[in-house]
């Protein structure tokens, strides 16, 4: 018996502006995944939008190498507001 692929489910709530990961499910195809996600993760009409993404299509960084992965950003101090000197006339910054 062939195992159905795993899908990750993201829901945007009525009060939210972004989609949040709410869980995973198995489904034969995208349409079934979307319908099952609706039935499982928005039973009380919490959502206004659902995304389903096959898990195999998600690419993620490795938390074990986070220091070296994010290191290039640390060497770009000009991206941080503390790099710049503000004139005394500038208030509330």
PDB file of N, CA and C in Angstrom:
ATOM      1  N   UNK A   1       0.842  -1.178   0.000  1.00  0.00           N
ATOM      2  CA  UNK A   1       0.000   0.000   0.000  1.00  0.00           C
ATOM      3  C   UNK A   1       0.894   1.252   0.000  1.00  0.00           C
ATOM      4  N   UNK A   2       0.603   2.174  -0.904  1.00  0.00           N
ATOM      5  CA  UNK A   2       1.366   3.406  -1.006  1.00  0.00           C
ATOM      6  C   UNK A   2       0.894   4.403   0.055  1.00  0.00           C
ATOM      7  N   UNK A   3       1.875   5.024   0.709  1.00  0.00           N
ATOM      8  CA  UNK A   3       1.577   6.014   1.741  1.00  0.00           C
ATOM      9  C   UNK A   3       1.339   7.366   1.084  1.00  0.00           C
ATOM     10  N   UNK A   4       0.273   8.050   1.483  1.00  0.00           N
ATOM     11  CA  UNK A   4      -0.011   9.386   0.962  1.00  0.00           C
ATOM     12  C   UNK A   4       1.062  10.356   1.448  1.00  0.00           C
ATOM     13  N   UNK A   5       1.357  11.388   0.640  1.00  0.00           N
ATOM     14  CA  UNK A   5       2.364  12.356   1.064  1.00  0.00           C
ATOM     15  C   UNK A   5       1.898  13.205   2.247  1.00  0.00           C
ATOM     16  N   UNK A   6       2.882  13.724   2.960  1.00  0.00           N
ATOM     17  CA  UNK A   6       2.625  14.583   4.111  1.00  0.00           C
ATOM     18  C   UNK A   6       2.525  16.028   3.639  1.00  0.00           C
ATOM     19  N   UNK A   7       1.541  16.759   4.146  1.00  0.00           N
ATOM     20  CA  UNK A   7       1.303  18.163   3.793  1.00  0.00           C
ATOM     21  C   UNK A   7       1.384  19.010   5.053  1.00  0.00           C
ATOM     22  N   UNK A   8       1.987  20.190   4.936  1.00  0.00           N
ATOM     23  CA  UNK A   8       2.021  21.160   6.033  1.00  0.00           C
ATOM     24  C   UNK A   8       0.883  22.148   5.803  1.00  0.00           C
ATOM     25  N   UNK A   9       0.203  22.517   6.873  1.00  0.00           N
ATOM     26  CA  UNK A   9      -0.985  23.359   6.779  1.00  0.00           C
ATOM     27  C   UNK A   9      -0.724  24.701   7.470  1.00  0.00           C
ATOM     28  N   UNK A  10      -1.042  25.779   6.752  1.00  0.00           N
ATOM     29  CA  UNK A  10      -0.901  27.138   7.262  1.00  0.00           C
ATOM     30  C   UNK A  10      -2.257  27.823   7.152  1.00  0.00           C
ATOM     31  N   UNK A  11      -2.686  28.476   8.230  1.00  0.00           N
ATOM     32  CA  UNK A  11      -3.994  29.126   8.257  1.00  0.00           C
ATOM     33  C   UNK A  11      -3.809  30.595   8.619  1.00  0.00           C
ATOM     34  N   UNK A  12      -4.523  31.451   7.907  1.00  0.00           N
ATOM     35  CA  UNK A  12      -4.593  32.875   8.272  1.00  0.00           C
ATOM     36  C   UNK A  12      -5.910  33.076   8.990  1.00  0.00           C
ATOM     37  N   UNK A  13      -5.827  33.559  10.223  1.00  0.00           N
ATOM     38  CA  UNK A  13      -7.039  33.743  11.016  1.00  0.00           C
ATOM     39  C   UNK A  13      -7.757  35.021  10.592  1.00  0.00           C
ATOM     40  N   UNK A  14      -8.974  35.155  11.044  1.00  0.00           N
ATOM     41  CA  UNK A  14      -9.759  36.351  10.704  1.00  0.00           C
ATOM     42  C   UNK A  14      -9.094  37.618  11.236  1.00  0.00           C
ATOM     43  N   UNK A  15      -8.433  37.502  12.371  1.00  0.00           N
ATOM     44  CA  UNK A  15      -7.807  38.676  12.969  1.00  0.00           C
ATOM     45  C   UNK A  15      -6.352  38.839  12.527  1.00  0.00           C
ATOM     46  N   UNK A  16      -5.816  37.861  11.817  1.00  0.00           N
ATOM     47  CA  UNK A  16      -4.402  37.897  11.482  1.00  0.00           C
ATOM     48  C   UNK A  16      -4.100  38.441  10.109  1.00  0.00           C
ATOM     49  N   UNK A  17      -2.838  38.799   9.915  1.00  0.00           N
ATOM     50  CA  UNK A  17      -2.413  39.256   8.596  1.00  0.00           C
ATOM     51  C   UNK A  17      -1.428  38.280   7.969  1.00  0.00           C
ATOM     52  N   UNK A  18      -1.006  37.276   8.722  1.00  0.00           N
ATOM     53  CA  UNK A  18      -0.084  36.295   8.169  1.00  0.00           C
ATOM     54  C   UNK A  18      -0.592  34.877   8.426  1.00  0.00           C
ATOM     55  N   UNK A  19      -0.129  33.968   7.624  1.00  0.00           N
ATOM     56  CA  UNK A  19      -0.480  32.564   7.793  1.00  0.00           C
ATOM     57  C   UNK A  19       0.426  31.962   8.867  1.00  0.00           C
ATOM     58  N   UNK A  20      -0.125  31.072   9.683  1.00  0.00           N
ATOM     59  CA  UNK A  20       0.643  30.399  10.727  1.00  0.00           C
ATOM     60  C   UNK A  20       0.540  28.904  10.520  1.00  0.00           C
ATOM     61  N   UNK A  21       1.651  28.230  10.766  1.00  0.00           N
ATOM     62  CA  UNK A  21       1.647  26.772  10.660  1.00  0.00           C
ATOM     63  C   UNK A  21       0.795  26.204  11.786  1.00  0.00           C
ATOM     64  N   UNK A  22      -0.173  25.367  11.421  1.00  0.00           N
ATOM     65  CA  UNK A  22      -1.082  24.810  12.423  1.00  0.00           C
ATOM     66  C   UNK A  22      -0.964  23.302  12.559  1.00  0.00           C
ATOM     67  N   UNK A  23      -0.286  22.664  11.603  1.00  0.00           N
ATOM     68  CA  UNK A  23      -0.135  21.228  11.703  1.00  0.00           C
ATOM     69  C   UNK A  23       0.149  20.579  10.377  1.00  0.00           C
ATOM     70  N   UNK A  24       0.049  19.269  10.376  1.00  0.00           N
ATOM     71  CA  UNK A  24       0.344  18.465   9.191  1.00  0.00           C
ATOM     72  C   UNK A  24      -0.770  17.442   8.998  1.00  0.00           C
ATOM     73  N   UNK A  25      -0.869  16.960   7.790  1.00  0.00           N
ATOM     74  CA  UNK A  25      -1.815  15.881   7.506  1.00  0.00           C
ATOM     75  C   UNK A  25      -1.357  15.122   6.262  1.00  0.00           C
ATOM     76  N   UNK A  26      -1.927  13.966   6.065  1.00  0.00           N
ATOM     77  CA  UNK A  26      -1.625  13.176   4.872  1.00  0.00           C
ATOM     78  C   UNK A  26      -2.828  13.239   3.933  1.00  0.00           C
ATOM     79  N   UNK A  27      -2.531  13.388   2.639  1.00  0.00           N
ATOM     80  CA  UNK A  27      -3.592  13.438   1.635  1.00  0.00           C
ATOM     81  C   UNK A  27      -3.021  12.971   0.301  1.00  0.00           C
ATOM     82  N   UNK A  28      -3.907  12.486  -0.559  1.00  0.00           N
ATOM     83  CA  UNK A  28      -3.481  11.955  -1.854  1.00  0.00           C
ATOM     84  C   UNK A  28      -3.029  13.051  -2.813  1.00  0.00           C
ATOM     85  N   UNK A  29      -3.651  14.237  -2.717  1.00  0.00           N
ATOM     86  CA  UNK A  29      -3.299  15.332  -3.621  1.00  0.00           C
ATOM     87  C   UNK A  29      -3.608  16.669  -2.948  1.00  0.00           C
ATOM     88  N   UNK A  30      -3.294  17.761  -3.651  1.00  0.00           N
ATOM     89  CA  UNK A  30      -3.448  19.107  -3.082  1.00  0.00           C
ATOM     90  C   UNK A  30      -4.905  19.423  -2.751  1.00  0.00           C
ATOM     91  N   UNK A  31      -5.817  19.050  -3.618  1.00  0.00           N
ATOM     92  CA  UNK A  31      -7.233  19.346  -3.365  1.00  0.00           C
ATOM     93  C   UNK A  31      -7.728  18.633  -2.116  1.00  0.00           C
ATOM     94  N   UNK A  32      -7.355  17.367  -1.967  1.00  0.00           N
ATOM     95  CA  UNK A  32      -7.753  16.617  -0.777  1.00  0.00           C
ATOM     96  C   UNK A  32      -7.100  17.217   0.465  1.00  0.00           C
ATOM     97  N   UNK A  33      -5.846  17.646   0.341  1.00  0.00           N
ATOM     98  CA  UNK A  33      -5.147  18.251   1.474  1.00  0.00           C
ATOM     99  C   UNK A  33      -5.846  19.537   1.899  1.00  0.00           C
ATOM    100  N   UNK A  34      -6.241  20.344   0.942  1.00  0.00           N
ATOM    101  CA  UNK A  34      -6.920  21.603   1.242  1.00  0.00           C
ATOM    102  C   UNK A  34      -8.270  21.356   1.922  1.00  0.00           C
ATOM    103  N   UNK A  35      -9.037  20.420   1.399  1.00  0.00           N
ATOM    104  CA  UNK A  35     -10.344  20.102   1.997  1.00  0.00           C
ATOM    105  C   UNK A  35     -10.189  19.508   3.395  1.00  0.00           C
ATOM    106  N   UNK A  36      -9.217  18.607   3.558  1.00  0.00           N
ATOM    107  CA  UNK A  36      -8.998  18.009   4.878  1.00  0.00           C
ATOM    108  C   UNK A  36      -8.493  19.057   5.869  1.00  0.00           C
ATOM    109  N   UNK A  37      -7.642  19.957   5.413  1.00  0.00           N
ATOM    110  CA  UNK A  37      -7.140  21.026   6.285  1.00  0.00           C
ATOM    111  C   UNK A  37      -8.291  21.904   6.757  1.00  0.00           C
ATOM    112  N   UNK A  38      -9.195  22.232   5.849  1.00  0.00           N
ATOM    113  CA  UNK A  38     -10.372  23.022   6.222  1.00  0.00           C
ATOM    114  C   UNK A  38     -11.168  22.304   7.302  1.00  0.00           C
ATOM    115  N   UNK A  39     -11.398  21.007   7.106  1.00  0.00           N
ATOM    116  CA  UNK A  39     -12.221  20.241   8.051  1.00  0.00           C
ATOM    117  C   UNK A  39     -11.534  20.053   9.405  1.00  0.00           C
ATOM    118  N   UNK A  40     -10.217  19.891   9.392  1.00  0.00           N
ATOM    119  CA  UNK A  40      -9.500  19.600  10.634  1.00  0.00           C
ATOM    120  C   UNK A  40      -9.089  20.866  11.384  1.00  0.00           C
ATOM    121  N   UNK A  41      -8.612  21.872  10.661  1.00  0.00           N
ATOM    122  CA  UNK A  41      -7.985  23.024  11.314  1.00  0.00           C
ATOM    123  C   UNK A  41      -8.835  24.293  11.359  1.00  0.00           C
ATOM    124  N   UNK A  42     -10.000  24.285  10.727  1.00  0.00           N
ATOM    125  CA  UNK A  42     -10.867  25.479  10.805  1.00  0.00           C
ATOM    126  C   UNK A  42     -12.310  25.065  11.091  1.00  0.00           C
ATOM    127  N   UNK A  43     -12.476  24.164  12.031  1.00  0.00           N
ATOM    128  CA  UNK A  43     -13.814  23.652  12.360  1.00  0.00           C
ATOM    129  C   UNK A  43     -14.745  24.723  12.897  1.00  0.00           C
ATOM    130  N   UNK A  44     -14.182  25.743  13.516  1.00  0.00           N
ATOM    131  CA  UNK A  44     -15.015  26.792  14.112  1.00  0.00           C
ATOM    132  C   UNK A  44     -14.951  28.077  13.304  1.00  0.00           C
ATOM    133  N   UNK A  45     -14.689  27.955  12.027  1.00  0.00           N
ATOM    134  CA  UNK A  45     -14.595  29.103  11.114  1.00  0.00           C
ATOM    135  C   UNK A  45     -13.544  30.127  11.545  1.00  0.00           C
ATOM    136  N   UNK A  46     -12.399  29.640  12.060  1.00  0.00           N
ATOM    137  CA  UNK A  46     -11.351  30.556  12.508  1.00  0.00           C
ATOM    138  C   UNK A  46     -10.592  31.200  11.354  1.00  0.00           C
ATOM    139  N   UNK A  47     -10.550  30.549  10.220  1.00  0.00           N
ATOM    140  CA  UNK A  47      -9.668  31.006   9.167  1.00  0.00           C
ATOM    141  C   UNK A  47     -10.352  31.708   8.015  1.00  0.00           C
ATOM    142  N   UNK A  48      -9.560  32.499   7.300  1.00  0.00           N
ATOM    143  CA  UNK A  48     -10.039  33.125   6.071  1.00  0.00           C
ATOM    144  C   UNK A  48      -9.230  32.654   4.863  1.00  0.00           C
ATOM    145  N   UNK A  49      -8.102  31.976   5.125  1.00  0.00           N
ATOM    146  CA  UNK A  49      -7.270  31.483   4.044  1.00  0.00           C
ATOM    147  C   UNK A  49      -6.448  30.301   4.546  1.00  0.00           C
ATOM    148  N   UNK A  50      -6.299  29.296   3.699  1.00  0.00           N
ATOM    149  CA  UNK A  50      -5.516  28.113   4.045  1.00  0.00           C
ATOM    150  C   UNK A  50      -4.495  27.874   2.944  1.00  0.00           C
ATOM    151  N   UNK A  51      -3.271  27.578   3.358  1.00  0.00           N
ATOM    152  CA  UNK A  51      -2.239  27.118   2.429  1.00  0.00           C
ATOM    153  C   UNK A  51      -1.891  25.689   2.812  1.00  0.00           C
ATOM    154  N   UNK A  52      -1.704  24.838   1.825  1.00  0.00           N
ATOM    155  CA  UNK A  52      -1.155  23.507   2.057  1.00  0.00           C
ATOM    156  C   UNK A  52       0.076  23.358   1.167  1.00  0.00           C
ATOM    157  N   UNK A  53       1.137  22.854   1.742  1.00  0.00           N
ATOM    158  CA  UNK A  53       2.401  22.688   1.028  1.00  0.00           C
ATOM    159  C   UNK A  53       2.908  21.286   1.303  1.00  0.00           C
ATOM    160  N   UNK A  54       3.223  20.574   0.243  1.00  0.00           N
ATOM    161  CA  UNK A  54       3.759  19.239   0.446  1.00  0.00           C
ATOM    162  C   UNK A  54       5.092  19.355   1.191  1.00  0.00           C
ATOM    163  N   UNK A  55       5.226  18.591   2.257  1.00  0.00           N
ATOM    164  CA  UNK A  55       6.393  18.707   3.138  1.00  0.00           C
ATOM    165  C   UNK A  55       7.708  18.565   2.389  1.00  0.00           C
ATOM    166  N   UNK A  56       7.743  17.724   1.376  1.00  0.00           N
ATOM    167  CA  UNK A  56       8.990  17.503   0.640  1.00  0.00           C
ATOM    168  C   UNK A  56       9.439  18.748  -0.115  1.00  0.00           C
ATOM    169  N   UNK A  57       8.546  19.710  -0.310  1.00  0.00           N
ATOM    170  CA  UNK A  57       8.878  20.928  -1.050  1.00  0.00           C
ATOM    171  C   UNK A  57       9.376  22.063  -0.158  1.00  0.00           C
ATOM    172  N   UNK A  58       9.403  21.844   1.137  1.00  0.00           N
ATOM    173  CA  UNK A  58       9.872  22.877   2.055  1.00  0.00           C
ATOM    174  C   UNK A  58      11.369  22.701   2.279  1.00  0.00           C
ATOM    175  N   UNK A  59      12.084  23.794   2.139  1.00  0.00           N
ATOM    176  CA  UNK A  59      13.529  23.798   2.374  1.00  0.00           C
ATOM    177  C   UNK A  59      13.764  24.648   3.618  1.00  0.00           C
ATOM    178  N   UNK A  60      14.532  24.123   4.556  1.00  0.00           N
ATOM    179  CA  UNK A  60      14.746  24.829   5.821  1.00  0.00           C
ATOM    180  C   UNK A  60      16.220  24.853   6.182  1.00  0.00           C
ATOM    181  N   UNK A  61      16.595  25.872   6.931  1.00  0.00           N
ATOM    182  CA  UNK A  61      17.965  25.927   7.447  1.00  0.00           C
ATOM    183  C   UNK A  61      18.087  24.949   8.615  1.00  0.00           C
ATOM    184  N   UNK A  62      19.317  24.588   8.924  1.00  0.00           N
ATOM    185  CA  UNK A  62      19.606  23.646  10.003  1.00  0.00           C
ATOM    186  C   UNK A  62      19.857  24.419  11.293  1.00  0.00           C
ATOM    187  N   UNK A  63      19.018  24.243  12.322  1.00  0.00           N
ATOM    188  CA  UNK A  63      19.211  24.977  13.576  1.00  0.00           C
ATOM    189  C   UNK A  63      20.576  24.703  14.223  1.00  0.00           C
ATOM    190  N   UNK A  64      21.166  23.543  13.943  1.00  0.00           N
ATOM    191  CA  UNK A  64      22.454  23.202  14.540  1.00  0.00           C
ATOM    192  C   UNK A  64      23.600  24.055  14.000  1.00  0.00           C
ATOM    193  N   UNK A  65      23.401  24.678  12.841  1.00  0.00           N
ATOM    194  CA  UNK A  65      24.455  25.525  12.278  1.00  0.00           C
ATOM    195  C   UNK A  65      23.980  26.985  12.175  1.00  0.00           C
ATOM    196  N   UNK A  66      23.068  27.369  13.050  1.00  0.00           N
ATOM    197  CA  UNK A  66      22.487  28.715  12.995  1.00  0.00           C
ATOM    198  C   UNK A  66      23.553  29.805  13.111  1.00  0.00           C
ATOM    199  N   UNK A  67      24.534  29.614  14.000  1.00  0.00           N
ATOM    200  CA  UNK A  67      25.561  30.650  14.175  1.00  0.00           C
ATOM    201  C   UNK A  67      26.295  30.937  12.875  1.00  0.00           C
ATOM    202  N   UNK A  68      26.744  29.907  12.195  1.00  0.00           N
ATOM    203  CA  UNK A  68      27.483  30.133  10.952  1.00  0.00           C
ATOM    204  C   UNK A  68      26.552  30.545   9.814  1.00  0.00           C
ATOM    205  N   UNK A  69      25.313  30.062   9.826  1.00  0.00           N
ATOM    206  CA  UNK A  69      24.372  30.408   8.769  1.00  0.00           C
ATOM    207  C   UNK A  69      24.026  31.895   8.804  1.00  0.00           C
ATOM    208  N   UNK A  70      23.817  32.435  10.000  1.00  0.00           N
ATOM    209  CA  UNK A  70      23.423  33.837  10.139  1.00  0.00           C
ATOM    210  C   UNK A  70      24.604  34.785  10.314  1.00  0.00           C
ATOM    211  N   UNK A  71      25.813  34.275  10.365  1.00  0.00           N
ATOM    212  CA  UNK A  71      26.999  35.099  10.579  1.00  0.00           C
ATOM    213  C   UNK A  71      27.155  36.209   9.550  1.00  0.00           C
ATOM    214  N   UNK A  72      26.893  35.996   8.268  1.00  0.00           N
ATOM    215  CA  UNK A  72      27.060  37.101   7.314  1.00  0.00           C
ATOM    216  C   UNK A  72      26.267  38.355   7.681  1.00  0.00           C
ATOM    217  N   UNK A  73      25.129  38.213   8.294  1.00  0.00           N
ATOM    218  CA  UNK A  73      24.339  39.379   8.693  1.00  0.00           C
ATOM    219  C   UNK A  73      25.044  40.148   9.816  1.00  0.00           C
ATOM    220  N   UNK A  74      25.749  39.432  10.687  1.00  0.00           N
ATOM    221  CA  UNK A  74      26.442  40.084  11.797  1.00  0.00           C
ATOM    222  C   UNK A  74      27.582  40.965  11.308  1.00  0.00           C
ATOM    223  N   UNK A  75      28.152  40.632  10.156  1.00  0.00           N
ATOM    224  CA  UNK A  75      29.277  41.428   9.643  1.00  0.00           C
ATOM    225  C   UNK A  75      28.808  42.662   8.868  1.00  0.00           C
ATOM    226  N   UNK A  76      27.530  42.890   8.777  1.00  0.00           N
ATOM    227  CA  UNK A  76      26.980  44.045   8.066  1.00  0.00           C
ATOM    228  C   UNK A  76      26.359  44.999   9.082  1.00  0.00           C
ATOM    229  N   UNK A  77      27.228  45.623   9.865  1.00  0.00           N
ATOM    230  CA  UNK A  77      26.746  46.466  10.960  1.00  0.00           C
ATOM    231  C   UNK A  77      25.921  47.652  10.474  1.00  0.00           C
ATOM    232  N   UNK A  78      26.127  48.046   9.231  1.00  0.00           N
ATOM    233  CA  UNK A  78      25.360  49.172   8.697  1.00  0.00           C
ATOM    234  C   UNK A  78      23.872  48.873   8.607  1.00  0.00           C
ATOM    235  N   UNK A  79      23.489  47.644   8.756  1.00  0.00           N
ATOM    236  CA  UNK A  79      22.065  47.292   8.739  1.00  0.00           C
ATOM    237  C   UNK A  79      21.392  47.549  10.080  1.00  0.00           C
ATOM    238  N   UNK A  80      22.185  47.803  11.102  1.00  0.00           N
ATOM    239  CA  UNK A  80      21.648  48.026  12.440  1.00  0.00           C
ATOM    240  C   UNK A  80      21.563  49.522  12.720  1.00  0.00           C
ATOM    241  N   UNK A  81      20.479  49.977  13.322  1.00  0.00           N
ATOM    242  CA  UNK A  81      20.323  51.410  13.566  1.00  0.00           C
ATOM    243  C   UNK A  81      21.384  51.972  14.508  1.00  0.00           C
ATOM    244  N   UNK A  82      21.986  51.130  15.332  1.00  0.00           N
ATOM    245  CA  UNK A  82      22.999  51.620  16.268  1.00  0.00           C
ATOM    246  C   UNK A  82      24.286  52.010  15.553  1.00  0.00           C
ATOM    247  N   UNK A  83      24.421  51.677  14.289  1.00  0.00           N
ATOM    248  CA  UNK A  83      25.608  52.022  13.497  1.00  0.00           C
ATOM    249  C   UNK A  83      25.652  53.515  13.193  1.00  0.00           C
ATOM    250  N   UNK A  84      24.506  54.152  13.148  1.00  0.00           N
ATOM    251  CA  UNK A  84      24.410  55.546  12.722  1.00  0.00           C
ATOM    252  C   UNK A  84      24.320  56.497  13.909  1.00  0.00           C
ATOM    253  N   UNK A  85      24.994  57.623  13.782  1.00  0.00           N
ATOM    254  CA  UNK A  85      24.891  58.686  14.783  1.00  0.00           C
ATOM    255  C   UNK A  85      23.772  59.634  14.356  1.00  0.00           C
ATOM    256  N   UNK A  86      22.880  59.914  15.259  1.00  0.00           N
ATOM    257  CA  UNK A  86      21.774  60.827  14.961  1.00  0.00           C
ATOM    258  C   UNK A  86      22.091  62.209  15.520  1.00  0.00           C
ATOM    259  N   UNK A  87      21.766  63.236  14.780  1.00  0.00           N
ATOM    260  CA  UNK A  87      21.953  64.591  15.307  1.00  0.00           C
ATOM    261  C   UNK A  87      21.052  64.814  16.520  1.00  0.00           C
ATOM    262  N   UNK A  88      21.471  65.693  17.387  1.00  0.00           N
ATOM    263  CA  UNK A  88      20.684  65.984  18.591  1.00  0.00           C
ATOM    264  C   UNK A  88      19.294  66.513  18.267  1.00  0.00           C
ATOM    265  N   UNK A  89      19.163  67.146  17.097  1.00  0.00           N
ATOM    266  CA  UNK A  89      17.869  67.718  16.705  1.00  0.00           C
ATOM    267  C   UNK A  89      16.817  66.643  16.412  1.00  0.00           C
ATOM    268  N   UNK A  90      17.263  65.450  16.122  1.00  0.00           N
ATOM    269  CA  UNK A  90      16.319  64.370  15.817  1.00  0.00           C
ATOM    270  C   UNK A  90      15.805  63.802  17.128  1.00  0.00           C
ATOM    271  N   UNK A  91      14.529  63.911  17.317  1.00  0.00           N
ATOM    272  CA  UNK A  91      13.907  63.442  18.564  1.00  0.00           C
ATOM    273  C   UNK A  91      13.054  62.207  18.289  1.00  0.00           C
ATOM    274  N   UNK A  92      12.816  61.445  19.324  1.00  0.00           N
ATOM    275  CA  UNK A  92      11.890  60.299  19.277  1.00  0.00           C
ATOM    276  C   UNK A  92      12.276  59.281  18.210  1.00  0.00           C
ATOM    277  N   UNK A  93      13.517  58.967  18.139  1.00  0.00           N
ATOM    278  CA  UNK A  93      13.965  57.985  17.156  1.00  0.00           C
ATOM    279  C   UNK A  93      14.438  56.760  17.855  1.00  0.00           C
TER     280      UNK A  93
END
